Amino acid sequence: MKTALKRSTIYLDPEIHKALKVKSAVSSKTISELVNEAIRLSLEEDYEDLLAFEERKNEPNLDFELVLKELKESGNL
C-alpha cells in the first residue's frame, strides 16, 4: 500500500518550471513525480556519501600544505 502523499508549496525558478512542464508532458509523469524522483536521487547520493565518509573515517588526514609542497617539489605545480 502506498503511503499518503503530503502537500507542500515550493517556489521554482520560472525556467526550471517550464522545463519540468515539458519533461512532464514528454515522460507522462506529473511534475510532482519528477520532483519526488529528483529529491529521492539527491537523498540517495547523500546517503552514499555518508557511507563513504564512514568507511574512510579511520584513514589519516592529509596536510594540505604538505601536499602542495610535495606537488611543487615534484614539478607538478
N, C-alpha and C. Protein backbone atom coordinates (compact mmCIF):
# COMPACT_ATOMS: atom_id res chain seq x y z
N MET A 1 0.84 -1.19 0.00
CA MET A 1 0.00 0.00 0.00
C MET A 1 0.88 1.25 0.00
N LYS A 2 0.56 2.20 -0.83
CA LYS A 2 1.32 3.43 -0.93
C LYS A 2 0.94 4.36 0.22
N THR A 3 1.92 5.04 0.79
CA THR A 3 1.64 5.96 1.88
C THR A 3 0.93 7.20 1.34
N ALA A 4 0.21 7.86 2.21
CA ALA A 4 -0.49 9.07 1.82
C ALA A 4 0.51 10.16 1.46
N LEU A 5 0.21 10.89 0.41
CA LEU A 5 1.09 11.96 -0.02
C LEU A 5 0.86 13.20 0.83
N LYS A 6 1.92 13.96 1.02
CA LYS A 6 1.84 15.23 1.75
C LYS A 6 1.90 16.37 0.75
N ARG A 7 1.11 17.36 0.99
CA ARG A 7 1.07 18.52 0.12
C ARG A 7 2.08 19.55 0.63
N SER A 8 2.79 20.17 -0.31
CA SER A 8 3.78 21.17 0.04
C SER A 8 3.83 22.22 -1.05
N THR A 9 4.11 23.44 -0.67
CA THR A 9 4.25 24.51 -1.64
C THR A 9 5.73 24.78 -1.83
N ILE A 10 6.16 24.76 -3.09
CA ILE A 10 7.54 25.11 -3.40
C ILE A 10 7.52 26.21 -4.45
N TYR A 11 8.56 26.99 -4.47
CA TYR A 11 8.67 28.07 -5.44
C TYR A 11 9.83 27.73 -6.37
N LEU A 12 9.54 27.67 -7.66
CA LEU A 12 10.52 27.28 -8.65
C LEU A 12 10.91 28.46 -9.53
N ASP A 13 12.14 28.44 -9.95
CA ASP A 13 12.59 29.39 -10.97
C ASP A 13 11.71 29.16 -12.20
N PRO A 14 11.24 30.23 -12.85
CA PRO A 14 10.33 30.06 -14.00
C PRO A 14 10.89 29.16 -15.10
N GLU A 15 12.18 29.23 -15.37
CA GLU A 15 12.77 28.39 -16.41
C GLU A 15 12.79 26.92 -16.00
N ILE A 16 13.03 26.65 -14.73
CA ILE A 16 13.00 25.28 -14.24
C ILE A 16 11.58 24.74 -14.31
N HIS A 17 10.61 25.57 -13.94
CA HIS A 17 9.21 25.15 -14.01
C HIS A 17 8.82 24.83 -15.45
N LYS A 18 9.26 25.68 -16.37
CA LYS A 18 8.96 25.45 -17.79
C LYS A 18 9.56 24.12 -18.24
N ALA A 19 10.82 23.86 -17.86
CA ALA A 19 11.48 22.60 -18.23
C ALA A 19 10.76 21.41 -17.62
N LEU A 20 10.31 21.55 -16.37
CA LEU A 20 9.56 20.47 -15.72
C LEU A 20 8.26 20.19 -16.45
N LYS A 21 7.56 21.24 -16.87
CA LYS A 21 6.30 21.05 -17.59
C LYS A 21 6.54 20.29 -18.89
N VAL A 22 7.60 20.64 -19.59
CA VAL A 22 7.92 19.96 -20.85
C VAL A 22 8.29 18.50 -20.58
N LYS A 23 9.17 18.29 -19.58
CA LYS A 23 9.58 16.93 -19.26
C LYS A 23 8.38 16.10 -18.79
N SER A 24 7.49 16.73 -18.07
CA SER A 24 6.28 16.06 -17.60
C SER A 24 5.45 15.58 -18.78
N ALA A 25 5.28 16.43 -19.75
CA ALA A 25 4.48 16.07 -20.93
C ALA A 25 5.14 14.97 -21.74
N VAL A 26 6.44 15.04 -21.89
CA VAL A 26 7.18 14.07 -22.70
C VAL A 26 7.25 12.71 -21.99
N SER A 27 7.41 12.73 -20.67
CA SER A 27 7.62 11.48 -19.93
C SER A 27 6.33 10.87 -19.40
N SER A 28 5.23 11.57 -19.54
CA SER A 28 3.94 11.14 -18.99
C SER A 28 3.99 10.96 -17.48
N LYS A 29 4.82 11.76 -16.83
CA LYS A 29 4.88 11.80 -15.36
C LYS A 29 4.43 13.18 -14.91
N THR A 30 3.86 13.24 -13.72
CA THR A 30 3.46 14.54 -13.20
C THR A 30 4.70 15.29 -12.71
N ILE A 31 4.55 16.60 -12.57
CA ILE A 31 5.64 17.41 -12.02
C ILE A 31 5.97 16.90 -10.61
N SER A 32 4.96 16.55 -9.85
CA SER A 32 5.20 16.01 -8.51
C SER A 32 6.04 14.74 -8.56
N GLU A 33 5.75 13.86 -9.50
CA GLU A 33 6.54 12.63 -9.63
C GLU A 33 7.99 12.95 -9.98
N LEU A 34 8.17 13.90 -10.89
CA LEU A 34 9.53 14.28 -11.29
C LEU A 34 10.30 14.90 -10.12
N VAL A 35 9.63 15.78 -9.37
CA VAL A 35 10.29 16.42 -8.23
C VAL A 35 10.61 15.39 -7.16
N ASN A 36 9.66 14.49 -6.86
CA ASN A 36 9.92 13.44 -5.87
C ASN A 36 11.09 12.56 -6.31
N GLU A 37 11.14 12.22 -7.58
CA GLU A 37 12.22 11.38 -8.10
C GLU A 37 13.56 12.10 -7.95
N ALA A 38 13.60 13.38 -8.28
CA ALA A 38 14.84 14.15 -8.18
C ALA A 38 15.30 14.26 -6.72
N ILE A 39 14.37 14.50 -5.83
CA ILE A 39 14.72 14.61 -4.41
C ILE A 39 15.19 13.26 -3.88
N ARG A 40 14.51 12.19 -4.27
CA ARG A 40 14.90 10.85 -3.85
C ARG A 40 16.33 10.54 -4.30
N LEU A 41 16.65 10.87 -5.56
CA LEU A 41 18.01 10.63 -6.08
C LEU A 41 19.04 11.45 -5.31
N SER A 42 18.70 12.69 -5.01
CA SER A 42 19.62 13.54 -4.25
C SER A 42 19.87 12.98 -2.85
N LEU A 43 18.81 12.52 -2.21
CA LEU A 43 18.95 11.94 -0.87
C LEU A 43 19.73 10.63 -0.91
N GLU A 44 19.55 9.84 -1.97
CA GLU A 44 20.34 8.61 -2.13
C GLU A 44 21.83 8.94 -2.26
N GLU A 45 22.14 9.99 -3.02
CA GLU A 45 23.54 10.41 -3.16
C GLU A 45 24.10 10.84 -1.81
N ASP A 46 23.30 11.59 -1.04
CA ASP A 46 23.74 12.00 0.30
C ASP A 46 24.03 10.78 1.17
N TYR A 47 23.15 9.78 1.10
CA TYR A 47 23.32 8.57 1.89
C TYR A 47 24.60 7.84 1.48
N GLU A 48 24.82 7.74 0.18
CA GLU A 48 26.04 7.09 -0.31
C GLU A 48 27.28 7.85 0.13
N ASP A 49 27.22 9.18 0.11
CA ASP A 49 28.34 9.99 0.59
C ASP A 49 28.61 9.72 2.07
N LEU A 50 27.55 9.67 2.86
CA LEU A 50 27.73 9.40 4.28
C LEU A 50 28.34 8.02 4.52
N LEU A 51 27.93 7.03 3.73
CA LEU A 51 28.53 5.70 3.85
C LEU A 51 30.02 5.75 3.50
N ALA A 52 30.36 6.49 2.46
CA ALA A 52 31.76 6.60 2.06
C ALA A 52 32.58 7.29 3.15
N PHE A 53 32.02 8.34 3.74
CA PHE A 53 32.72 9.01 4.84
C PHE A 53 32.94 8.06 6.01
N GLU A 54 31.91 7.27 6.32
CA GLU A 54 32.01 6.32 7.42
C GLU A 54 33.09 5.27 7.14
N GLU A 55 33.14 4.79 5.91
CA GLU A 55 34.14 3.78 5.54
C GLU A 55 35.56 4.33 5.63
N ARG A 56 35.72 5.63 5.40
CA ARG A 56 37.06 6.22 5.34
C ARG A 56 37.42 7.00 6.59
N LYS A 57 36.59 6.94 7.63
CA LYS A 57 36.81 7.79 8.80
C LYS A 57 38.13 7.50 9.51
N ASN A 58 38.65 6.29 9.38
CA ASN A 58 39.90 5.95 10.07
C ASN A 58 41.14 6.19 9.22
N GLU A 59 40.95 6.67 8.00
CA GLU A 59 42.11 6.99 7.17
C GLU A 59 42.79 8.25 7.71
N PRO A 60 44.10 8.31 7.58
CA PRO A 60 44.79 9.51 8.08
C PRO A 60 44.44 10.73 7.24
N ASN A 61 44.42 11.87 7.88
CA ASN A 61 44.18 13.12 7.17
C ASN A 61 45.46 13.58 6.50
N LEU A 62 45.32 14.18 5.35
CA LEU A 62 46.47 14.75 4.66
C LEU A 62 46.58 16.22 5.00
N ASP A 63 47.79 16.67 5.24
CA ASP A 63 48.05 18.08 5.49
C ASP A 63 48.09 18.79 4.14
N PHE A 64 47.16 19.69 3.90
CA PHE A 64 47.04 20.35 2.61
C PHE A 64 48.34 21.07 2.22
N GLU A 65 48.95 21.75 3.18
CA GLU A 65 50.19 22.47 2.88
C GLU A 65 51.30 21.50 2.48
N LEU A 66 51.35 20.35 3.11
CA LEU A 66 52.34 19.34 2.78
C LEU A 66 52.11 18.80 1.36
N VAL A 67 50.86 18.55 1.02
CA VAL A 67 50.54 18.07 -0.33
C VAL A 67 50.97 19.10 -1.37
N LEU A 68 50.68 20.38 -1.12
CA LEU A 68 51.09 21.44 -2.05
C LEU A 68 52.61 21.49 -2.18
N LYS A 69 53.31 21.39 -1.05
CA LYS A 69 54.77 21.42 -1.07
C LYS A 69 55.32 20.27 -1.89
N GLU A 70 54.76 19.06 -1.70
CA GLU A 70 55.21 17.89 -2.44
C GLU A 70 54.93 18.05 -3.93
N LEU A 71 53.78 18.62 -4.29
CA LEU A 71 53.47 18.87 -5.70
C LEU A 71 54.47 19.85 -6.30
N LYS A 72 54.80 20.89 -5.56
CA LYS A 72 55.74 21.90 -6.04
C LYS A 72 57.13 21.28 -6.23
N GLU A 73 57.56 20.50 -5.24
CA GLU A 73 58.90 19.87 -5.29
C GLU A 73 58.99 18.86 -6.43
N SER A 74 57.90 18.19 -6.75
CA SER A 74 57.93 17.17 -7.80
C SER A 74 57.75 17.79 -9.20
N GLY A 75 57.52 19.10 -9.25
CA GLY A 75 57.36 19.78 -10.53
C GLY A 75 55.95 19.70 -11.10
N ASN A 76 55.00 19.23 -10.30
CA ASN A 76 53.61 19.12 -10.76
C ASN A 76 52.81 20.39 -10.51
N LEU A 77 53.43 21.36 -9.90
CA LEU A 77 52.75 22.64 -9.65
C LEU A 77 53.59 23.77 -10.16
